[in-house]
Protein backbone atom coordinates (compact mmCIF):
# COMPACT_ATOMS: atom_id res chain seq x y z
CA MET A 1 -0.06 -0.02 -0.16
CA GLY A 2 1.72 3.71 -1.23
CA PHE A 3 1.62 6.33 0.83
CA PHE A 4 -1.86 8.04 -0.72
CA ALA A 5 -3.14 4.60 0.18
CA LYS A 6 -2.19 4.66 3.67
CA PHE A 7 -2.92 8.98 4.28
CA ALA A 8 -6.93 7.94 3.03
CA ALA A 9 -7.28 4.82 4.75
CA LYS A 10 -5.98 6.76 8.27
CA LEU A 11 -8.10 9.70 7.39
CA GLY A 12 -10.71 7.05 6.66
CA ARG A 13 -11.96 8.24 3.44
CA LYS A 14 -14.79 6.58 1.46
CA ASP A 15 -12.51 6.50 -0.94
CA LYS A 16 -9.74 4.12 -0.38
CA ASP A 17 -10.35 2.47 -3.96
CA LEU A 18 -9.70 5.65 -5.75
CA ALA A 19 -6.28 5.74 -3.85
CA GLN A 20 -4.84 2.29 -4.92
CA LYS A 21 -5.32 3.08 -8.16
CA ILE A 22 -3.06 6.43 -8.20
CA ASP A 23 -0.54 3.98 -6.09
CA GLN A 24 -1.01 1.66 -8.90
CA ALA A 25 -1.07 4.31 -11.71
CA ALA A 26 1.92 5.82 -10.15
CA GLU A 27 3.48 2.03 -9.96
CA ALA A 28 2.87 1.36 -13.26
CA SER A 29 4.16 4.49 -14.74
CA ARG A 30 7.61 4.15 -12.57
CA LYS A 31 7.76 -0.11 -13.88
CA ALA A 32 7.51 1.64 -17.60
CA GLU A 33 9.98 3.79 -16.86
CA ILE A 34 12.67 1.31 -16.07
CA SER A 35 14.18 0.76 -19.54
CA THR A 36 17.90 0.01 -21.25
CA ASP A 37 16.58 2.75 -23.86
CA THR A 38 16.35 5.96 -22.57
CA LYS A 39 13.93 7.58 -25.27
CA GLY A 40 11.76 4.75 -25.29
CA SER A 41 11.50 4.63 -21.59
CA TYR A 42 10.83 8.60 -21.19
CA ASP A 43 8.01 7.99 -24.08
CA VAL A 44 6.87 5.50 -22.27
CA GLY A 45 6.45 6.50 -19.06
CA LEU A 46 5.24 9.98 -20.32
CA ASN A 47 2.64 8.37 -22.24
CA ALA A 48 1.84 6.24 -18.76
CA SER A 49 1.80 9.19 -16.81
CA SER A 50 -0.63 11.23 -18.68
CA LYS A 51 -3.01 8.64 -19.31
CA ALA A 52 -3.31 7.81 -16.17
CA LEU A 53 -3.42 11.07 -15.09
CA SER A 54 -5.98 11.98 -17.21
CA GLY A 55 -8.02 9.15 -16.28
CA VAL A 56 -7.87 8.94 -12.37
CA LEU A 57 -8.58 12.90 -12.53
CA ALA A 58 -11.97 12.03 -14.48
CA GLU A 59 -12.39 8.80 -12.00
CA MET A 60 -11.96 10.96 -9.04
CA THR A 61 -14.12 14.00 -10.48
CA ALA A 62 -16.98 11.48 -11.61
CA SER A 63 -17.11 9.79 -7.83
CA TYR A 64 -18.45 13.38 -6.10
CA ARG A 65 -21.58 14.79 -5.90
CA GLN A 66 -20.79 18.27 -4.75
CA VAL A 67 -17.02 20.59 -4.99
CA ASP A 68 -16.39 20.95 -1.60
CA GLU A 69 -13.26 21.01 0.20
CA ALA A 70 -13.10 17.30 0.53
CA PHE A 71 -13.00 17.50 -3.20
CA PHE A 72 -10.10 19.89 -3.35
CA ASP A 73 -8.29 17.93 -1.01
CA HIS A 74 -8.36 15.07 -2.78
CA LEU A 75 -7.46 16.73 -6.06
CA TYR A 76 -4.45 18.11 -4.18
CA GLU A 77 -3.32 14.44 -3.32
CA LEU A 78 -4.02 13.25 -6.65
CA LEU A 79 -1.57 16.05 -8.04
CA VAL A 80 1.19 15.64 -5.45
CA GLY A 81 0.88 11.41 -6.26
CA TYR A 82 1.62 12.58 -9.80
CA ASP A 83 4.52 14.64 -9.25
CA VAL A 84 3.12 17.88 -10.01
CA GLY A 85 4.97 18.72 -6.68
CA SER A 86 3.41 20.44 -3.66
CA THR A 87 3.89 23.90 -4.64
CA MET A 88 1.96 23.48 -7.50
CA ALA A 89 -0.43 21.45 -6.86
CA GLN A 90 -1.52 24.33 -4.33
CA ARG A 91 -1.48 26.73 -6.80
CA ILE A 92 -3.38 24.88 -9.46
CA VAL A 93 -5.69 23.76 -6.84
CA ARG A 94 -6.25 27.78 -5.25
CA GLU A 95 -6.83 28.70 -8.91
CA VAL A 96 -9.35 26.41 -9.77
CA LYS A 97 -11.27 26.90 -6.46
CA ASN A 98 -11.05 30.70 -7.74
CA ASP A 99 -12.73 29.57 -11.18
CA VAL A 100 -15.20 27.70 -9.50
CA LYS A 101 -16.51 30.02 -7.52
CA LEU A 102 -16.41 33.05 -10.42
CA HIS A 103 -18.10 30.61 -12.67
CA GLY A 104 -20.38 28.96 -9.61
CA VAL A 105 -19.46 25.53 -10.88
CA SER A 106 -20.95 23.03 -8.75
CA ASP A 107 -20.64 19.89 -10.85
CA PRO A 108 -17.12 18.06 -10.08
CA LYS A 109 -17.17 16.85 -13.37
CA LEU A 110 -17.12 19.90 -14.58
CA VAL A 111 -14.09 20.69 -12.52
CA HIS A 112 -11.61 18.26 -14.79
CA GLU A 113 -12.18 20.40 -17.74
CA LEU A 114 -10.69 23.77 -15.17
CA VAL A 115 -7.78 21.37 -13.95
CA ILE A 116 -6.78 20.67 -17.24
CA ASP A 117 -6.96 24.19 -18.09
CA ARG A 118 -5.70 25.96 -15.39
CA MET A 119 -2.98 23.30 -15.73
CA PHE A 120 -2.15 24.43 -19.56
CA THR A 121 -2.17 28.01 -18.45
CA LEU A 122 0.37 27.75 -15.33
CA TYR A 123 2.79 25.83 -17.91
CA VAL A 124 2.45 28.15 -20.35
CA GLY A 125 2.97 30.94 -17.74
CA HIS A 126 2.80 34.70 -19.29
CA ASP A 127 4.13 33.08 -22.77
CA THR A 128 1.39 34.30 -25.55
CA VAL A 129 0.38 31.06 -27.49
CA THR A 130 -0.82 31.63 -30.83
CA THR A 131 -2.44 29.22 -33.31
CA THR A 132 -2.01 31.47 -36.30
CA LEU A 133 0.50 30.49 -39.06
CA ASP A 134 2.10 33.63 -40.89
CA LEU A 135 1.89 32.33 -44.35
CA LEU A 136 4.69 34.22 -46.14
CA PRO A 137 3.31 35.06 -50.05
CA ASN A 138 5.62 34.13 -52.84
CA ARG A 139 8.16 32.55 -50.61
CA THR A 140 8.77 28.69 -49.66
CA ASN A 141 7.09 28.37 -46.24
CA VAL A 142 8.15 25.73 -43.49
CA PHE A 143 6.13 24.82 -40.28
CA LEU A 144 7.17 22.31 -37.76
CA VAL A 145 5.05 20.16 -36.26
CA VAL A 146 5.77 18.64 -32.68
CA GLY A 147 4.07 16.90 -30.36
CA ALA A 148 3.98 13.82 -27.70
CA ASN A 149 2.60 10.38 -29.45
CA GLY A 150 -1.10 10.43 -30.30
CA VAL A 151 -2.21 14.17 -29.56
CA GLY A 152 -2.94 14.28 -33.34
CA LYS A 153 0.08 15.67 -35.09
CA THR A 154 -0.66 13.41 -38.04
CA THR A 155 -3.82 14.96 -38.37
CA SER A 156 -3.18 17.97 -38.00
CA ILE A 157 -0.88 17.76 -40.74
CA ALA A 158 -3.38 16.21 -43.15
CA LYS A 159 -5.88 19.07 -42.37
CA LEU A 160 -2.75 22.25 -42.42
CA ALA A 161 -2.27 20.46 -45.87
CA GLN A 162 -5.96 20.30 -47.29
CA ARG A 163 -6.65 23.92 -46.29
CA TYR A 164 -3.60 25.64 -48.35
CA LEU A 165 -4.30 23.07 -51.09
CA ILE A 166 -7.73 24.58 -51.10
CA ALA A 167 -6.45 28.05 -51.34
CA GLY A 168 -4.42 27.55 -54.31
CA GLU A 169 -0.90 27.13 -51.93
CA LYS A 170 1.88 24.07 -53.53
CA VAL A 171 1.70 21.81 -50.57
CA LEU A 172 4.70 19.30 -50.16
CA ILE A 173 4.55 16.87 -46.40
CA VAL A 174 8.16 15.86 -45.31
CA ALA A 175 9.22 13.38 -42.82
CA GLY A 176 5.78 13.82 -41.72
CA ASP A 177 5.66 11.57 -38.69
CA THR A 178 8.58 9.66 -39.76
CA PHE A 179 8.51 7.00 -36.47
CA ARG A 180 5.20 5.07 -37.38
CA ALA A 181 4.50 3.10 -40.28
CA GLY A 182 0.75 4.25 -40.36
CA ALA A 183 1.28 7.84 -40.80
CA VAL A 184 1.96 7.70 -44.54
CA ALA A 185 -1.62 5.55 -45.44
CA GLN A 186 -3.48 8.28 -43.03
CA LEU A 187 -1.45 11.26 -44.79
CA GLU A 188 -2.87 9.71 -48.35
CA GLU A 189 -6.11 9.13 -47.03
């Protein structure tokens, strides 16, 4: 039994199963990271952690009927359990609490989106995020698309290519998703 499961048991929490799931997911993530291939273990570990956190967060929000202090305590425990860090977890919880009050959110399932949004905005910081592509006329334009596995890079590349083809531009896709065998077939569709 991991730290959070023991902690939940001592507090007499009703959601011991969820605490155990957190511990199991964290253990699975740690096991996935143990590999001789550094890049492979990083990719596997990051993918496992991301899926596990998202899934456990969804389960946690679904297990509550109201957004109260116990909900936020549990959210904090979950974030710390996924190595977000105590200070960042406190900040995320504090800002999600403010968002909940500001928008009058009472459904815990809706808080899931607020948490994801808050994590993104805190990660980005004060940087400006823009989704516009600056296509300069009468010259070659190169767009580099990067991201984690499974986030939709290939689909986005295909959509961008289609958009610029419809606009009358010449499009060439080079080295799109070189690590996945299905990428070529997906782009040809």
